[in-house]
Amino acid sequence: MNNAITRKDMTYSDAIEQVMLHNGYCASLKLLYEEIWKYKDISKTTGKTPNNTIQERVQRDKRFTNISRGIYALTDKLNLLDENLTLKPYSTFDTLSELEIDKKNEETDYEKDNQDDFELIVKINDTKFESNGGEFTYSGKPKQKKSIKTSTGKTYYPRDKIVSINALNKANHQCEYNTSCPSFERKTSSCLYTEPHHLIPMSKQNDFNYSLDVEENIISLCSNCHNCMHYGKLELRYKIIEKLYNERKDFLFKVGLEIKLEDLKKYYD
């Protein structure tokens, strides 16, 4: 009897492991998004959007270890990793330059925001909190941006979980693009599930004198609309951006964040 895992019943973690085994024992998130369907039947997926599930598995499954921002490896193959990459530089990955093994290539702003967004969402999902019924009030004052931090050779501006929770509470945990979007109650509270999104991306903090991590710049979105902002077609993203910008531009101005709609759209190109 054949006990091998078939493509149809392979779990996300098993499929991720296969991608890494066939790509030098490690992979970028982008590569996982593209290659996982060689080993897993996409028609069998349910629940969360696939990219979110992939990120969650590589972050939480002990079979995988984070070796750089957005880059993961097989834990039991770490001792072989450097040797493998030295013997086969730039040959075992479709997008090996993204691995930044030589530290010469920078991760794109797009990838930074995706990864940082997901890490923030995970922190919020693990927090028990209750809605204040939309009673949170904007400060209307600019906030000094925090000092830039460095981790595994990458620089980033930290995001405050409490600030994002305040923004979700302000929106009464509804999707601010379309309040009729379906949702569900969080497992840790009675609040509806929505996700925080920085309208002006945090990766653009250097373009501004004041902090982008303020409630006025954080939008509450359902999972579908949030993923559209990251992975949807440009015309769909522009449609969401335009509505949200028109509703927030005055609040952004009060906290020292002045930007034209055309310039905001360029951040999402």
Protein backbone atom coordinates (compact mmCIF):
# COMPACT_ATOMS: atom_id res chain seq x y z
CA MET A 1 0.00 0.00 0.00
CA ASN A 2 1.36 3.43 -0.96
CA ASN A 3 1.46 5.77 2.08
CA ALA A 4 2.92 8.76 0.19
CA ILE A 5 1.10 12.06 0.58
CA THR A 6 -0.76 12.89 -2.60
CA ARG A 7 -1.11 16.36 -4.08
CA LYS A 8 -4.80 16.48 -3.21
CA ASP A 9 -4.43 15.78 0.52
CA MET A 10 -1.11 17.57 1.15
CA THR A 11 -1.23 20.16 3.95
CA TYR A 12 0.14 23.67 3.54
CA SER A 13 3.16 22.81 5.68
CA ASP A 14 3.88 19.64 3.70
CA ALA A 15 3.63 21.55 0.44
CA ILE A 16 5.91 24.33 1.75
CA GLU A 17 8.43 21.67 2.75
CA GLN A 18 8.37 20.26 -0.78
CA VAL A 19 8.99 23.70 -2.31
CA MET A 20 12.02 24.17 -0.05
CA LEU A 21 13.36 20.67 -0.72
CA HIS A 22 13.31 21.41 -4.44
CA ASN A 23 14.83 24.88 -4.07
CA GLY A 24 17.95 24.49 -2.01
CA TYR A 25 16.22 24.00 1.38
CA CYS A 26 14.87 27.57 1.60
CA ALA A 27 12.51 29.94 -0.20
CA SER A 28 11.24 33.49 -0.25
CA LEU A 29 7.57 34.10 0.45
CA LYS A 30 7.14 35.14 -3.17
CA LEU A 31 8.53 31.83 -4.35
CA LEU A 32 6.26 29.92 -1.95
CA TYR A 33 3.21 31.79 -3.27
CA GLU A 34 4.11 30.75 -6.81
CA GLU A 35 5.42 27.21 -6.33
CA ILE A 36 3.21 25.74 -3.61
CA TRP A 37 0.47 24.78 -6.09
CA LYS A 38 2.81 22.27 -7.70
CA TYR A 39 2.31 20.22 -4.54
CA LYS A 40 -1.08 21.31 -3.15
CA ASP A 41 -4.46 21.29 -4.88
CA ILE A 42 -5.68 24.91 -4.86
CA SER A 43 -9.28 23.77 -5.39
CA LYS A 44 -9.20 22.18 -1.92
CA THR A 45 -8.31 25.39 -0.08
CA THR A 46 -10.86 26.95 2.27
CA GLY A 47 -11.00 29.77 4.80
CA LYS A 48 -8.28 32.42 4.77
CA THR A 49 -6.71 33.67 1.55
CA PRO A 50 -3.87 31.29 0.58
CA ASN A 51 -1.04 33.82 0.92
CA ASN A 52 -2.03 34.61 4.52
CA THR A 53 -2.16 30.91 5.35
CA ILE A 54 1.26 30.31 3.78
CA GLN A 55 2.76 33.14 5.85
CA GLU A 56 1.15 31.82 9.01
CA ARG A 57 2.47 28.29 8.46
CA VAL A 58 6.09 29.27 7.82
CA GLN A 59 6.05 31.55 10.88
CA ARG A 60 4.49 29.08 13.31
CA ASP A 61 5.52 25.62 12.12
CA LYS A 62 8.78 24.55 13.81
CA ARG A 63 9.81 22.80 10.61
CA PHE A 64 10.68 26.24 9.21
CA THR A 65 13.10 28.92 10.42
CA ASN A 66 13.21 32.58 9.41
CA ILE A 67 16.72 33.35 8.07
CA SER A 68 16.03 36.83 6.71
CA ARG A 69 13.07 39.17 6.23
CA GLY A 70 10.59 37.21 4.15
CA ILE A 71 12.98 34.26 3.73
CA TYR A 72 12.49 30.86 5.38
CA ALA A 73 14.44 27.61 5.47
CA LEU A 74 13.96 24.02 6.58
CA THR A 75 15.04 23.87 10.22
CA ASP A 76 16.63 20.45 9.92
CA LYS A 77 18.63 21.56 6.86
CA LEU A 78 20.13 24.76 8.26
CA ASN A 79 23.53 23.12 8.59
CA LEU A 80 23.49 22.41 4.84
CA LEU A 81 22.16 25.78 3.77
CA ASP A 82 25.32 27.85 3.48
CA GLU A 83 27.21 25.05 1.76
CA ASN A 84 24.38 24.52 -0.70
CA LEU A 85 24.19 28.23 -1.58
CA THR A 86 27.96 28.47 -1.95
CA LEU A 87 28.08 25.53 -4.32
CA LYS A 88 25.10 26.71 -6.36
CA PRO A 89 24.94 30.50 -6.27
CA TYR A 90 21.85 31.93 -7.98
CA SER A 91 20.93 28.59 -9.53
CA THR A 92 18.40 26.91 -7.26
CA PHE A 93 15.92 29.78 -6.99
CA ASP A 94 13.72 31.36 -9.63
CA THR A 95 14.11 34.64 -7.75
CA LEU A 96 17.27 34.01 -5.75
CA SER A 97 18.26 37.67 -5.76
CA GLU A 98 15.42 38.21 -3.29
CA LEU A 99 17.18 35.98 -0.77
CA GLU A 100 19.84 38.67 -0.32
CA ILE A 101 22.39 36.09 0.74
CA ASP A 102 25.12 38.48 -0.40
CA LYS A 103 23.27 41.49 1.13
CA LYS A 104 23.59 43.41 -2.15
CA ASN A 105 19.96 43.41 -3.22
CA GLU A 106 17.31 45.24 -1.20
CA GLU A 107 13.91 43.80 -0.53
CA THR A 108 11.23 45.81 -2.32
CA ASP A 109 8.98 48.17 -0.37
CA TYR A 110 6.04 46.07 -1.55
CA GLU A 111 7.41 42.92 0.09
CA LYS A 112 8.37 44.77 3.28
CA ASP A 113 4.87 46.10 3.73
CA ASN A 114 3.28 42.70 3.07
CA GLN A 115 5.49 40.97 5.62
CA ASP A 116 5.20 43.70 8.27
CA ASP A 117 1.42 43.87 7.78
CA PHE A 118 1.09 40.16 8.38
CA GLU A 119 3.29 40.21 11.49
CA LEU A 120 1.15 43.03 12.91
CA ILE A 121 -2.07 41.12 12.16
CA VAL A 122 -0.71 38.03 13.95
CA LYS A 123 0.06 40.12 17.06
CA ILE A 124 -3.45 41.60 17.05
CA ASN A 125 -5.07 38.20 16.53
CA ASP A 126 -3.30 36.90 19.64
CA THR A 127 -4.60 39.83 21.73
CA LYS A 128 -7.87 39.73 23.64
CA PHE A 129 -9.68 43.04 23.41
CA GLU A 130 -13.19 44.43 23.18
CA SER A 131 -14.57 47.15 20.94
CA ASN A 132 -15.30 50.55 22.44
CA GLY A 133 -18.15 50.98 19.98
CA GLY A 134 -16.32 53.48 17.81
CA GLU A 135 -15.78 55.92 20.69
CA PHE A 136 -12.04 56.36 20.10
CA THR A 137 -11.19 59.99 19.20
CA TYR A 138 -8.37 61.04 16.88
CA SER A 139 -5.72 63.21 18.53
CA GLY A 140 -5.47 65.54 15.55
CA LYS A 141 -1.82 66.18 16.42
CA PRO A 142 1.35 65.14 14.57
CA LYS A 143 3.34 62.38 16.27
CA GLN A 144 7.09 62.10 16.16
CA LYS A 145 8.20 59.09 14.17
CA LYS A 146 10.02 56.38 16.08
CA SER A 147 13.66 55.62 15.55
CA ILE A 148 14.37 53.26 12.70
CA LYS A 149 15.29 49.72 13.73
CA THR A 150 17.46 47.05 12.16
CA SER A 151 16.80 43.31 12.10
CA THR A 152 18.65 40.64 10.09
CA GLY A 153 20.28 43.32 8.00
CA LYS A 154 17.01 45.13 7.18
CA THR A 155 15.83 48.51 8.40
CA TYR A 156 12.23 49.25 9.29
CA TYR A 157 9.99 51.56 11.29
CA PRO A 158 8.19 49.76 14.15
CA ARG A 159 4.39 49.52 14.23
CA ASP A 160 2.45 49.87 17.47
CA LYS A 161 -0.17 47.16 17.95
CA ILE A 162 -2.24 49.39 20.25
CA VAL A 163 -2.43 52.14 17.61
CA SER A 164 -3.84 49.65 15.11
CA ILE A 165 -6.34 48.32 17.65
CA ASN A 166 -7.46 51.90 18.32
CA ALA A 167 -8.06 52.38 14.60
CA LEU A 168 -10.09 49.17 14.37
CA ASN A 169 -12.15 50.31 17.35
CA LYS A 170 -12.68 53.72 15.77
CA ALA A 171 -14.20 51.99 12.73
CA ASN A 172 -16.31 49.79 15.02
CA HIS A 173 -14.59 46.80 13.42
CA GLN A 174 -16.24 47.29 10.04
CA CYS A 175 -14.65 47.41 6.61
CA GLU A 176 -14.19 51.10 5.85
CA TYR A 177 -14.23 50.57 2.11
CA ASN A 178 -17.54 48.73 2.17
CA THR A 179 -19.37 48.31 5.48
CA SER A 180 -21.53 45.58 3.96
CA CYS A 181 -18.54 43.25 3.48
CA PRO A 182 -19.18 39.98 5.36
CA SER A 183 -17.08 39.16 8.41
CA PHE A 184 -17.10 36.97 11.53
CA GLU A 185 -16.42 37.29 15.25
CA ARG A 186 -12.83 37.06 16.42
CA LYS A 187 -11.86 33.98 18.39
CA THR A 188 -10.51 36.18 21.21
CA SER A 189 -13.42 38.64 21.50
CA SER A 190 -16.90 39.51 20.30
CA CYS A 191 -15.51 42.04 17.79
CA LEU A 192 -15.91 41.44 14.08
CA TYR A 193 -12.70 40.46 12.32
CA THR A 194 -11.06 43.22 10.28
CA GLU A 195 -7.44 44.00 9.56
CA PRO A 196 -5.45 47.26 9.90
CA HIS A 197 -3.91 48.80 6.79
CA HIS A 198 -1.66 51.86 6.65
CA LEU A 199 -3.08 53.98 3.84
CA ILE A 200 0.27 55.70 3.37
CA PRO A 201 2.57 52.65 3.50
CA MET A 202 4.98 52.48 6.42
CA SER A 203 7.80 51.76 3.98
CA LYS A 204 7.46 55.39 2.84
CA GLN A 205 8.14 56.82 6.30
CA ASN A 206 11.34 58.50 5.10
CA ASP A 207 9.22 60.72 2.83
CA PHE A 208 7.47 62.28 5.83
CA ASN A 209 8.56 64.31 8.84
CA TYR A 210 5.96 62.81 11.17
CA SER A 211 4.91 59.26 12.04
CA LEU A 212 2.79 57.24 9.63
CA ASP A 213 1.88 54.86 12.43
CA VAL A 214 -1.07 56.93 13.65
CA GLU A 215 -4.75 56.06 13.86
CA GLU A 216 -5.60 58.68 11.22
CA ASN A 217 -3.51 56.74 8.68
CA ILE A 218 -4.79 53.26 9.58
CA ILE A 219 -7.81 51.83 7.80
CA SER A 220 -9.99 48.96 9.01
CA LEU A 221 -10.53 46.53 6.12
CA CYS A 222 -12.09 43.11 5.71
CA SER A 223 -9.66 40.36 4.67
CA ASN A 224 -10.81 40.48 1.07
CA CYS A 225 -10.39 44.24 0.62
CA HIS A 226 -7.08 44.20 2.50
CA ASN A 227 -5.67 41.52 0.26
CA CYS A 228 -6.92 43.42 -2.76
CA MET A 229 -4.82 46.39 -1.61
CA HIS A 230 -1.73 44.16 -1.68
CA TYR A 231 -2.41 41.64 -4.44
CA GLY A 232 -5.31 42.99 -6.51
CA LYS A 233 -5.18 44.51 -9.97
CA LEU A 234 -4.02 48.10 -10.01
CA GLU A 235 -7.36 49.52 -11.12
CA LEU A 236 -9.08 47.78 -8.19
CA ARG A 237 -6.52 49.13 -5.74
CA TYR A 238 -6.90 52.63 -7.16
CA LYS A 239 -10.66 52.45 -6.64
CA ILE A 240 -10.25 51.60 -2.96
CA ILE A 241 -7.44 54.12 -2.47
CA GLU A 242 -9.45 56.98 -3.95
CA LYS A 243 -12.44 56.41 -1.66
CA LEU A 244 -10.32 56.05 1.47
CA TYR A 245 -8.11 59.01 0.59
CA ASN A 246 -11.08 61.34 0.13
CA GLU A 247 -12.41 60.30 3.54
CA ARG A 248 -9.06 60.65 5.33
CA LYS A 249 -7.14 63.48 3.65
CA ASP A 250 -8.29 66.15 6.12
CA PHE A 251 -7.43 63.94 9.12
CA LEU A 252 -4.04 63.14 7.58
CA PHE A 253 -3.30 66.82 7.09
CA LYS A 254 -3.97 67.51 10.80
CA VAL A 255 -1.30 65.00 11.83
CA GLY A 256 1.30 66.42 9.47
CA LEU A 257 0.78 63.95 6.63
CA GLU A 258 0.13 65.96 3.49
CA ILE A 259 -0.05 63.99 0.25
CA LYS A 260 -1.82 64.27 -3.10
CA LEU A 261 -4.00 61.44 -4.37
CA GLU A 262 -1.77 60.98 -7.43
CA ASP A 263 1.31 60.60 -5.25
CA LEU A 264 -0.44 58.12 -2.96
CA LYS A 265 -1.42 55.99 -5.93
CA LYS A 266 2.22 55.88 -7.06
CA TYR A 267 3.13 54.21 -3.77
CA TYR A 268 0.92 51.28 -4.84
CA ASP A 269 2.18 50.94 -8.42
